[in-house]
Amino acid sequence: VDAVESELDEVKHDLRNLTDFLQEIISGLYDLPWIQK
């Protein structure tokens, strides 16, 4: 259970990062090279 909870926390962190990245993309403030990087 401890191992699964730890892995779940990592997945939640990755999801937050991806969500933030998608919000940055749709904001239109960044150009394509920055988005690719």
PDB file of all heavy atoms in Angstrom:
ATOM      1  N   VAL A   1       0.846  -1.202   0.000  1.00  0.00           N
ATOM      2  CA  VAL A   1       0.000   0.000   0.000  1.00  0.00           C
ATOM      3  C   VAL A   1       0.877   1.245   0.000  1.00  0.00           C
ATOM      4  O   VAL A   1       0.611   2.203  -0.737  1.00  0.00           O
ATOM      5  CB  VAL A   1      -0.967  -0.008   1.212  1.00  0.00           C
ATOM      6  CG1 VAL A   1      -1.596   1.354   1.417  1.00  0.00           C
ATOM      7  CG2 VAL A   1      -2.049  -1.056   1.012  1.00  0.00           C
ATOM      8  N   ASP A   2       1.932   1.248   0.810  1.00  0.00           N
ATOM      9  CA  ASP A   2       2.843   2.394   0.839  1.00  0.00           C
ATOM     10  C   ASP A   2       3.474   2.636  -0.532  1.00  0.00           C
ATOM     11  O   ASP A   2       3.575   3.780  -0.993  1.00  0.00           O
ATOM     12  CB  ASP A   2       3.933   2.189   1.891  1.00  0.00           C
ATOM     13  CG  ASP A   2       3.406   2.275   3.315  1.00  0.00           C
ATOM     14  OD1 ASP A   2       2.295   2.809   3.516  1.00  0.00           O
ATOM     15  OD2 ASP A   2       4.111   1.799   4.234  1.00  0.00           O
ATOM     16  N   ALA A   3       3.893   1.562  -1.187  1.00  0.00           N
ATOM     17  CA  ALA A   3       4.503   1.690  -2.515  1.00  0.00           C
ATOM     18  C   ALA A   3       3.502   2.235  -3.531  1.00  0.00           C
ATOM     19  O   ALA A   3       3.834   3.117  -4.336  1.00  0.00           O
ATOM     20  CB  ALA A   3       5.044   0.340  -2.974  1.00  0.00           C
ATOM     21  N   VAL A   4       2.273   1.748  -3.488  1.00  0.00           N
ATOM     22  CA  VAL A   4       1.243   2.209  -4.425  1.00  0.00           C
ATOM     23  C   VAL A   4       0.892   3.666  -4.149  1.00  0.00           C
ATOM     24  O   VAL A   4       0.716   4.459  -5.085  1.00  0.00           O
ATOM     25  CB  VAL A   4      -0.009   1.303  -4.352  1.00  0.00           C
ATOM     26  CG1 VAL A   4      -1.179   1.911  -5.090  1.00  0.00           C
ATOM     27  CG2 VAL A   4       0.312  -0.071  -4.907  1.00  0.00           C
ATOM     28  N   GLU A   5       0.805   4.052  -2.885  1.00  0.00           N
ATOM     29  CA  GLU A   5       0.515   5.445  -2.548  1.00  0.00           C
ATOM     30  C   GLU A   5       1.626   6.368  -3.046  1.00  0.00           C
ATOM     31  O   GLU A   5       1.357   7.459  -3.552  1.00  0.00           O
ATOM     32  CB  GLU A   5       0.314   5.611  -1.045  1.00  0.00           C
ATOM     33  CG  GLU A   5      -1.012   5.065  -0.558  1.00  0.00           C
ATOM     34  CD  GLU A   5      -1.179   5.149   0.954  1.00  0.00           C
ATOM     35  OE1 GLU A   5      -0.166   5.347   1.666  1.00  0.00           O
ATOM     36  OE2 GLU A   5      -2.318   5.026   1.409  1.00  0.00           O
ATOM     37  N   SER A   6       2.865   5.934  -2.911  1.00  0.00           N
ATOM     38  CA  SER A   6       3.996   6.716  -3.397  1.00  0.00           C
ATOM     39  C   SER A   6       3.927   6.888  -4.913  1.00  0.00           C
ATOM     40  O   SER A   6       4.124   7.987  -5.447  1.00  0.00           O
ATOM     41  CB  SER A   6       5.302   6.040  -2.995  1.00  0.00           C
ATOM     42  OG  SER A   6       6.400   6.732  -3.517  1.00  0.00           O
ATOM     43  N   GLU A   7       3.633   5.800  -5.602  1.00  0.00           N
ATOM     44  CA  GLU A   7       3.510   5.863  -7.058  1.00  0.00           C
ATOM     45  C   GLU A   7       2.339   6.757  -7.467  1.00  0.00           C
ATOM     46  O   GLU A   7       2.436   7.524  -8.433  1.00  0.00           O
ATOM     47  CB  GLU A   7       3.323   4.457  -7.621  1.00  0.00           C
ATOM     48  CG  GLU A   7       3.350   4.401  -9.130  1.00  0.00           C
ATOM     49  CD  GLU A   7       3.265   2.981  -9.655  1.00  0.00           C
ATOM     50  OE1 GLU A   7       3.559   2.039  -8.910  1.00  0.00           O
ATOM     51  OE2 GLU A   7       2.895   2.828 -10.838  1.00  0.00           O
ATOM     52  N   LEU A   8       1.250   6.700  -6.733  1.00  0.00           N
ATOM     53  CA  LEU A   8       0.096   7.549  -7.018  1.00  0.00           C
ATOM     54  C   LEU A   8       0.461   9.022  -6.866  1.00  0.00           C
ATOM     55  O   LEU A   8       0.052   9.854  -7.689  1.00  0.00           O
ATOM     56  CB  LEU A   8      -1.063   7.186  -6.088  1.00  0.00           C
ATOM     57  CG  LEU A   8      -2.345   8.016  -6.246  1.00  0.00           C
ATOM     58  CD1 LEU A   8      -2.919   7.870  -7.656  1.00  0.00           C
ATOM     59  CD2 LEU A   8      -3.364   7.600  -5.198  1.00  0.00           C
ATOM     60  N   ASP A   9       1.233   9.358  -5.848  1.00  0.00           N
ATOM     61  CA  ASP A   9       1.669  10.747  -5.669  1.00  0.00           C
ATOM     62  C   ASP A   9       2.507  11.219  -6.859  1.00  0.00           C
ATOM     63  O   ASP A   9       2.356  12.358  -7.324  1.00  0.00           O
ATOM     64  CB  ASP A   9       2.474  10.893  -4.375  1.00  0.00           C
ATOM     65  CG  ASP A   9       1.610  10.763  -3.120  1.00  0.00           C
ATOM     66  OD1 ASP A   9       0.375  10.933  -3.236  1.00  0.00           O
ATOM     67  OD2 ASP A   9       2.177  10.488  -2.047  1.00  0.00           O
ATOM     68  N   GLU A  10       3.372  10.331  -7.357  1.00  0.00           N
ATOM     69  CA  GLU A  10       4.186  10.677  -8.529  1.00  0.00           C
ATOM     70  C   GLU A  10       3.302  10.908  -9.758  1.00  0.00           C
ATOM     71  O   GLU A  10       3.533  11.843 -10.522  1.00  0.00           O
ATOM     72  CB  GLU A  10       5.197   9.572  -8.816  1.00  0.00           C
ATOM     73  CG  GLU A  10       6.284   9.450  -7.772  1.00  0.00           C
ATOM     74  CD  GLU A  10       7.191   8.257  -8.007  1.00  0.00           C
ATOM     75  OE1 GLU A  10       7.158   7.662  -9.107  1.00  0.00           O
ATOM     76  OE2 GLU A  10       7.944   7.911  -7.077  1.00  0.00           O
ATOM     77  N   VAL A  11       2.301  10.069  -9.941  1.00  0.00           N
ATOM     78  CA  VAL A  11       1.398  10.211 -11.081  1.00  0.00           C
ATOM     79  C   VAL A  11       0.605  11.516 -10.972  1.00  0.00           C
ATOM     80  O   VAL A  11       0.419  12.224 -11.972  1.00  0.00           O
ATOM     81  CB  VAL A  11       0.461   8.983 -11.191  1.00  0.00           C
ATOM     82  CG1 VAL A  11      -0.655   9.227 -12.191  1.00  0.00           C
ATOM     83  CG2 VAL A  11       1.258   7.748 -11.563  1.00  0.00           C
ATOM     84  N   LYS A  12       0.169  11.858  -9.768  1.00  0.00           N
ATOM     85  CA  LYS A  12      -0.556  13.124  -9.570  1.00  0.00           C
ATOM     86  C   LYS A  12       0.337  14.316  -9.916  1.00  0.00           C
ATOM     87  O   LYS A  12      -0.116  15.279 -10.534  1.00  0.00           O
ATOM     88  CB  LYS A  12      -1.045  13.236  -8.130  1.00  0.00           C
ATOM     89  CG  LYS A  12      -2.224  12.369  -7.801  1.00  0.00           C
ATOM     90  CD  LYS A  12      -2.625  12.543  -6.339  1.00  0.00           C
ATOM     91  CE  LYS A  12      -3.785  11.677  -5.945  1.00  0.00           C
ATOM     92  NZ  LYS A  12      -4.150  11.852  -4.528  1.00  0.00           N
ATOM     93  N   HIS A  13       1.607  14.232  -9.530  1.00  0.00           N
ATOM     94  CA  HIS A  13       2.558  15.307  -9.832  1.00  0.00           C
ATOM     95  C   HIS A  13       2.738  15.443 -11.347  1.00  0.00           C
ATOM     96  O   HIS A  13       2.734  16.565 -11.889  1.00  0.00           O
ATOM     97  CB  HIS A  13       3.902  15.019  -9.145  1.00  0.00           C
ATOM     98  CG  HIS A  13       4.936  16.047  -9.386  1.00  0.00           C
ATOM     99  ND1 HIS A  13       4.886  17.301  -8.827  1.00  0.00           N
ATOM    100  CD2 HIS A  13       6.057  16.009 -10.148  1.00  0.00           C
ATOM    101  CE1 HIS A  13       5.926  18.005  -9.223  1.00  0.00           C
ATOM    102  NE2 HIS A  13       6.659  17.231 -10.029  1.00  0.00           N
ATOM    103  N   ASP A  14       2.892  14.311 -12.035  1.00  0.00           N
ATOM    104  CA  ASP A  14       3.027  14.332 -13.494  1.00  0.00           C
ATOM    105  C   ASP A  14       1.778  14.922 -14.145  1.00  0.00           C
ATOM    106  O   ASP A  14       1.878  15.704 -15.103  1.00  0.00           O
ATOM    107  CB  ASP A  14       3.275  12.928 -14.042  1.00  0.00           C
ATOM    108  CG  ASP A  14       4.649  12.393 -13.686  1.00  0.00           C
ATOM    109  OD1 ASP A  14       5.518  13.193 -13.272  1.00  0.00           O
ATOM    110  OD2 ASP A  14       4.860  11.163 -13.822  1.00  0.00           O
ATOM    111  N   LEU A  15       0.614  14.572 -13.640  1.00  0.00           N
ATOM    112  CA  LEU A  15      -0.634  15.099 -14.191  1.00  0.00           C
ATOM    113  C   LEU A  15      -0.708  16.612 -14.029  1.00  0.00           C
ATOM    114  O   LEU A  15      -1.121  17.325 -14.947  1.00  0.00           O
ATOM    115  CB  LEU A  15      -1.840  14.422 -13.520  1.00  0.00           C
ATOM    116  CG  LEU A  15      -3.217  14.891 -13.986  1.00  0.00           C
ATOM    117  CD1 LEU A  15      -3.397  14.625 -15.481  1.00  0.00           C
ATOM    118  CD2 LEU A  15      -4.301  14.220 -13.180  1.00  0.00           C
ATOM    119  N   ARG A  16      -0.289  17.108 -12.852  1.00  0.00           N
ATOM    120  CA  ARG A  16      -0.276  18.569 -12.652  1.00  0.00           C
ATOM    121  C   ARG A  16       0.664  19.252 -13.645  1.00  0.00           C
ATOM    122  O   ARG A  16       0.329  20.289 -14.223  1.00  0.00           O
ATOM    123  CB  ARG A  16       0.143  18.905 -11.227  1.00  0.00           C
ATOM    124  CG  ARG A  16      -0.984  18.846 -10.215  1.00  0.00           C
ATOM    125  CD  ARG A  16      -0.559  19.453  -8.878  1.00  0.00           C
ATOM    126  NE  ARG A  16       0.568  18.713  -8.298  1.00  0.00           N
ATOM    127  CZ  ARG A  16       0.451  17.738  -7.417  1.00  0.00           C
ATOM    128  NH1 ARG A  16      -0.729  17.386  -6.981  1.00  0.00           N
ATOM    129  NH2 ARG A  16       1.518  17.113  -6.961  1.00  0.00           N
ATOM    130  N   ASN A  17       1.853  18.651 -13.840  1.00  0.00           N
ATOM    131  CA  ASN A  17       2.806  19.232 -14.799  1.00  0.00           C
ATOM    132  C   ASN A  17       2.240  19.258 -16.213  1.00  0.00           C
ATOM    133  O   ASN A  17       2.385  20.253 -16.929  1.00  0.00           O
ATOM    134  CB  ASN A  17       4.120  18.458 -14.781  1.00  0.00           C
ATOM    135  CG  ASN A  17       4.944  18.746 -13.553  1.00  0.00           C
ATOM    136  OD1 ASN A  17       4.781  19.772 -12.906  1.00  0.00           O
ATOM    137  ND2 ASN A  17       5.834  17.818 -13.214  1.00  0.00           N
ATOM    138  N   LEU A  18       1.598  18.167 -16.610  1.00  0.00           N
ATOM    139  CA  LEU A  18       1.012  18.115 -17.958  1.00  0.00           C
ATOM    140  C   LEU A  18      -0.143  19.108 -18.106  1.00  0.00           C
ATOM    141  O   LEU A  18      -0.286  19.762 -19.144  1.00  0.00           O
ATOM    142  CB  LEU A  18       0.544  16.696 -18.273  1.00  0.00           C
ATOM    143  CG  LEU A  18       1.646  15.692 -18.548  1.00  0.00           C
ATOM    144  CD1 LEU A  18       1.058  14.285 -18.656  1.00  0.00           C
ATOM    145  CD2 LEU A  18       2.421  16.050 -19.795  1.00  0.00           C
ATOM    146  N   THR A  19      -0.948  19.219 -17.083  1.00  0.00           N
ATOM    147  CA  THR A  19      -2.064  20.171 -17.118  1.00  0.00           C
ATOM    148  C   THR A  19      -1.539  21.600 -17.226  1.00  0.00           C
ATOM    149  O   THR A  19      -2.053  22.404 -18.018  1.00  0.00           O
ATOM    150  CB  THR A  19      -2.943  20.015 -15.857  1.00  0.00           C
ATOM    151  OG1 THR A  19      -3.408  18.677 -15.781  1.00  0.00           O
ATOM    152  CG2 THR A  19      -4.135  20.961 -15.896  1.00  0.00           C
ATOM    153  N   ASP A  20      -0.505  21.916 -16.451  1.00  0.00           N
ATOM    154  CA  ASP A  20       0.103  23.250 -16.531  1.00  0.00           C
ATOM    155  C   ASP A  20       0.658  23.508 -17.934  1.00  0.00           C
ATOM    156  O   ASP A  20       0.504  24.600 -18.497  1.00  0.00           O
ATOM    157  CB  ASP A  20       1.222  23.405 -15.504  1.00  0.00           C
ATOM    158  CG  ASP A  20       0.711  23.439 -14.067  1.00  0.00           C
ATOM    159  OD1 ASP A  20      -0.508  23.628 -13.860  1.00  0.00           O
ATOM    160  OD2 ASP A  20       1.549  23.257 -13.151  1.00  0.00           O
ATOM    161  N   PHE A  21       1.310  22.493 -18.495  1.00  0.00           N
ATOM    162  CA  PHE A  21       1.874  22.630 -19.832  1.00  0.00           C
ATOM    163  C   PHE A  21       0.780  22.867 -20.865  1.00  0.00           C
ATOM    164  O   PHE A  21       0.907  23.752 -21.740  1.00  0.00           O
ATOM    165  CB  PHE A  21       2.693  21.390 -20.186  1.00  0.00           C
ATOM    166  CG  PHE A  21       3.256  21.397 -21.556  1.00  0.00           C
ATOM    167  CD1 PHE A  21       4.187  22.370 -21.943  1.00  0.00           C
ATOM    168  CD2 PHE A  21       2.890  20.452 -22.498  1.00  0.00           C
ATOM    169  CE1 PHE A  21       4.720  22.375 -23.223  1.00  0.00           C
ATOM    170  CE2 PHE A  21       3.416  20.463 -23.769  1.00  0.00           C
ATOM    171  CZ  PHE A  21       4.335  21.415 -24.142  1.00  0.00           C
ATOM    172  N   LEU A  22      -0.300  22.141 -20.778  1.00  0.00           N
ATOM    173  CA  LEU A  22      -1.407  22.334 -21.722  1.00  0.00           C
ATOM    174  C   LEU A  22      -2.012  23.736 -21.586  1.00  0.00           C
ATOM    175  O   LEU A  22      -2.372  24.370 -22.589  1.00  0.00           O
ATOM    176  CB  LEU A  22      -2.480  21.258 -21.517  1.00  0.00           C
ATOM    177  CG  LEU A  22      -2.083  19.847 -21.945  1.00  0.00           C
ATOM    178  CD1 LEU A  22      -3.171  18.849 -21.545  1.00  0.00           C
ATOM    179  CD2 LEU A  22      -1.805  19.784 -23.436  1.00  0.00           C
ATOM    180  N   GLN A  23      -2.094  24.221 -20.365  1.00  0.00           N
ATOM    181  CA  GLN A  23      -2.613  25.578 -20.164  1.00  0.00           C
ATOM    182  C   GLN A  23      -1.671  26.616 -20.780  1.00  0.00           C
ATOM    183  O   GLN A  23      -2.117  27.613 -21.351  1.00  0.00           O
ATOM    184  CB  GLN A  23      -2.810  25.855 -18.672  1.00  0.00           C
ATOM    185  CG  GLN A  23      -3.991  25.114 -18.083  1.00  0.00           C
ATOM    186  CD  GLN A  23      -4.105  25.281 -16.574  1.00  0.00           C
ATOM    187  OE1 GLN A  23      -3.157  25.681 -15.913  1.00  0.00           O
ATOM    188  NE2 GLN A  23      -5.274  24.956 -16.040  1.00  0.00           N
ATOM    189  N   GLU A  24      -0.366  26.385 -20.681  1.00  0.00           N
ATOM    190  CA  GLU A  24       0.602  27.283 -21.302  1.00  0.00           C
ATOM    191  C   GLU A  24       0.465  27.266 -22.824  1.00  0.00           C
ATOM    192  O   GLU A  24       0.575  28.310 -23.488  1.00  0.00           O
ATOM    193  CB  GLU A  24       2.024  26.907 -20.888  1.00  0.00           C
ATOM    194  CG  GLU A  24       2.317  27.182 -19.431  1.00  0.00           C
ATOM    195  CD  GLU A  24       3.623  26.561 -18.954  1.00  0.00           C
ATOM    196  OE1 GLU A  24       4.229  25.744 -19.688  1.00  0.00           O
ATOM    197  OE2 GLU A  24       4.042  26.891 -17.823  1.00  0.00           O
ATOM    198  N   ILE A  25       0.224  26.083 -23.388  1.00  0.00           N
ATOM    199  CA  ILE A  25       0.061  25.973 -24.846  1.00  0.00           C
ATOM    200  C   ILE A  25      -1.161  26.751 -25.306  1.00  0.00           C
ATOM    201  O   ILE A  25      -1.088  27.543 -26.260  1.00  0.00           O
ATOM    202  CB  ILE A  25      -0.041  24.499 -25.284  1.00  0.00           C
ATOM    203  CG1 ILE A  25       1.295  23.787 -25.097  1.00  0.00           C
ATOM    204  CG2 ILE A  25      -0.494  24.388 -26.736  1.00  0.00           C
ATOM    205  CD1 ILE A  25       1.243  22.293 -25.357  1.00  0.00           C
ATOM    206  N   ILE A  26      -2.294  26.533 -24.641  1.00  0.00           N
ATOM    207  CA  ILE A  26      -3.526  27.179 -25.115  1.00  0.00           C
ATOM    208  C   ILE A  26      -3.580  28.668 -24.775  1.00  0.00           C
ATOM    209  O   ILE A  26      -4.402  29.387 -25.330  1.00  0.00           O
ATOM    210  CB  ILE A  26      -4.785  26.462 -24.578  1.00  0.00           C
ATOM    211  CG1 ILE A  26      -4.864  26.522 -23.060  1.00  0.00           C
ATOM    212  CG2 ILE A  26      -4.850  25.038 -25.074  1.00  0.00           C
ATOM    213  CD1 ILE A  26      -6.174  26.032 -22.508  1.00  0.00           C
ATOM    214  N   SER A  27      -2.669  29.122 -23.926  1.00  0.00           N
ATOM    215  CA  SER A  27      -2.674  30.560 -23.607  1.00  0.00           C
ATOM    216  C   SER A  27      -2.245  31.394 -24.816  1.00  0.00           C
ATOM    217  O   SER A  27      -2.601  32.570 -24.912  1.00  0.00           O
ATOM    218  CB  SER A  27      -1.752  30.850 -22.424  1.00  0.00           C
ATOM    219  OG  SER A  27      -0.386  30.702 -22.798  1.00  0.00           O
ATOM    220  N   GLY A  28      -1.462  30.783 -25.723  1.00  0.00           N
ATOM    221  CA  GLY A  28      -1.027  31.500 -26.906  1.00  0.00           C
ATOM    222  C   GLY A  28       0.138  32.437 -26.657  1.00  0.00           C
ATOM    223  O   GLY A  28       0.528  33.191 -27.538  1.00  0.00           O
ATOM    224  N   LEU A  29       0.700  32.416 -25.486  1.00  0.00           N
ATOM    225  CA  LEU A  29       1.803  33.319 -25.142  1.00  0.00           C
ATOM    226  C   LEU A  29       3.161  32.810 -25.611  1.00  0.00           C
ATOM    227  O   LEU A  29       4.124  33.573 -25.651  1.00  0.00           O
ATOM    228  CB  LEU A  29       1.851  33.538 -23.632  1.00  0.00           C
ATOM    229  CG  LEU A  29       0.620  34.185 -22.992  1.00  0.00           C
ATOM    230  CD1 LEU A  29       0.766  34.212 -21.471  1.00  0.00           C
ATOM    231  CD2 LEU A  29       0.443  35.609 -23.529  1.00  0.00           C
ATOM    232  N   TYR A  30       3.242  31.540 -25.960  1.00  0.00           N
ATOM    233  CA  TYR A  30       4.545  30.940 -26.275  1.00  0.00           C
ATOM    234  C   TYR A  30       4.591  30.479 -27.725  1.00  0.00           C
ATOM    235  O   TYR A  30       3.593  30.007 -28.275  1.00  0.00           O
ATOM    236  CB  TYR A  30       4.813  29.765 -25.341  1.00  0.00           C
ATOM    237  CG  TYR A  30       4.769  30.168 -23.875  1.00  0.00           C
ATOM    238  CD1 TYR A  30       3.631  29.941 -23.109  1.00  0.00           C
ATOM    239  CD2 TYR A  30       5.856  30.791 -23.295  1.00  0.00           C
ATOM    240  CE1 TYR A  30       3.590  30.326 -21.771  1.00  0.00           C
ATOM    241  CE2 TYR A  30       5.825  31.185 -21.957  1.00  0.00           C
ATOM    242  CZ  TYR A  30       4.691  30.943 -21.201  1.00  0.00           C
ATOM    243  OH  TYR A  30       4.651  31.341 -19.886  1.00  0.00           O
ATOM    244  N   ASP A  31       5.778  30.614 -28.331  1.00  0.00           N
ATOM    245  CA  ASP A  31       5.940  30.194 -29.724  1.00  0.00           C
ATOM    246  C   ASP A  31       6.266  28.699 -29.798  1.00  0.00           C
ATOM    247  O   ASP A  31       6.529  28.052 -28.790  1.00  0.00           O
ATOM    248  CB  ASP A  31       7.013  31.030 -30.417  1.00  0.00           C
ATOM    249  CG  ASP A  31       8.369  30.915 -29.745  1.00  0.00           C
ATOM    250  OD1 ASP A  31       8.453  30.263 -28.680  1.00  0.00           O
ATOM    251  OD2 ASP A  31       9.351  31.457 -30.288  1.00  0.00           O
ATOM    252  N   LEU A  32       6.237  28.180 -31.007  1.00  0.00           N
ATOM    253  CA  LEU A  32       6.412  26.739 -31.218  1.00  0.00           C
ATOM    254  C   LEU A  32       7.749  26.204 -30.705  1.00  0.00           C
ATOM    255  O   LEU A  32       7.765  25.160 -30.058  1.00  0.00           O
ATOM    256  CB  LEU A  32       6.217  26.394 -32.705  1.00  0.00           C
ATOM    257  CG  LEU A  32       6.279  24.917 -33.048  1.00  0.00           C
ATOM    258  CD1 LEU A  32       5.220  24.130 -32.291  1.00  0.00           C
ATOM    259  CD2 LEU A  32       6.125  24.711 -34.547  1.00  0.00           C
ATOM    260  N   PRO A  33       8.878  26.853 -30.938  1.00  0.00           N
ATOM    261  CA  PRO A  33      10.141  26.317 -30.416  1.00  0.00           C
ATOM    262  C   PRO A  33      10.146  26.186 -28.887  1.00  0.00           C
ATOM    263  O   PRO A  33      10.660  25.204 -28.342  1.00  0.00           O
ATOM    264  CB  PRO A  33      11.203  27.314 -30.889  1.00  0.00           C
ATOM    265  CG  PRO A  33      10.603  27.971 -32.082  1.00  0.00           C
ATOM    266  CD  PRO A  33       9.125  28.004 -31.821  1.00  0.00           C
ATOM    267  N   TRP A  34       9.552  27.158 -28.187  1.00  0.00           N
ATOM    268  CA  TRP A  34       9.499  27.082 -26.718  1.00  0.00           C
ATOM    269  C   TRP A  34       8.636  25.896 -26.285  1.00  0.00           C
ATOM    270  O   TRP A  34       8.993  25.150 -25.370  1.00  0.00           O
ATOM    271  CB  TRP A  34       8.930  28.378 -26.130  1.00  0.00           C
ATOM    272  CG  TRP A  34       8.914  28.354 -24.635  1.00  0.00           C
ATOM    273  CD1 TRP A  34       9.891  28.753 -23.803  1.00  0.00           C
ATOM    274  CD2 TRP A  34       7.848  27.866 -23.802  1.00  0.00           C
ATOM    275  NE1 TRP A  34       9.524  28.553 -22.500  1.00  0.00           N
ATOM    276  CE2 TRP A  34       8.270  28.000 -22.459  1.00  0.00           C
ATOM    277  CE3 TRP A  34       6.590  27.319 -24.044  1.00  0.00           C
ATOM    278  CZ2 TRP A  34       7.482  27.614 -21.382  1.00  0.00           C
ATOM    279  CZ3 TRP A  34       5.810  26.945 -22.966  1.00  0.00           C
ATOM    280  CH2 TRP A  34       6.258  27.084 -21.654  1.00  0.00           C
ATOM    281  N   ILE A  35       7.510  25.716 -26.952  1.00  0.00           N
ATOM    282  CA  ILE A  35       6.594  24.615 -26.627  1.00  0.00           C
ATOM    283  C   ILE A  35       7.289  23.269 -26.860  1.00  0.00           C
ATOM    284  O   ILE A  35       7.193  22.362 -26.033  1.00  0.00           O
ATOM    285  CB  ILE A  35       5.294  24.716 -27.447  1.00  0.00           C
ATOM    286  CG1 ILE A  35       4.489  25.946 -26.995  1.00  0.00           C
ATOM    287  CG2 ILE A  35       4.455  23.451 -27.328  1.00  0.00           C
ATOM    288  CD1 ILE A  35       3.294  26.266 -27.862  1.00  0.00           C
ATOM    289  N   GLN A  36       8.014  23.152 -27.990  1.00  0.00           N
ATOM    290  CA  GLN A  36       8.716  21.908 -28.283  1.00  0.00           C
ATOM    291  C   GLN A  36       9.803  21.624 -27.242  1.00  0.00           C
ATOM    292  O   GLN A  36       9.963  20.484 -26.789  1.00  0.00           O
ATOM    293  CB  GLN A  36       9.335  21.969 -29.685  1.00  0.00           C
ATOM    294  CG  GLN A  36       8.303  21.912 -30.790  1.00  0.00           C
ATOM    295  CD  GLN A  36       8.911  22.143 -32.168  1.00  0.00           C
ATOM    296  OE1 GLN A  36       9.950  22.798 -32.305  1.00  0.00           O
ATOM    297  NE2 GLN A  36       8.242  21.623 -33.186  1.00  0.00           N
ATOM    298  N   LYS A  37      10.534  22.646 -26.856  1.00  0.00           N
ATOM    299  CA  LYS A  37      11.587  22.490 -25.846  1.00  0.00           C
ATOM    300  C   LYS A  37      10.982  22.072 -24.506  1.00  0.00           C
ATOM    301  O   LYS A  37      11.474  21.167 -23.826  1.00  0.00           O
ATOM    302  CB  LYS A  37      12.363  23.791 -25.707  1.00  0.00           C
ATOM    303  CG  LYS A  37      13.503  23.718 -24.739  1.00  0.00           C
ATOM    304  CD  LYS A  37      14.247  25.048 -24.664  1.00  0.00           C
ATOM    305  CE  LYS A  37      15.291  24.993 -23.579  1.00  0.00           C
ATOM    306  NZ  LYS A  37      15.957  26.275 -23.367  1.00  0.00           N
TER     307      LYS A  37
END
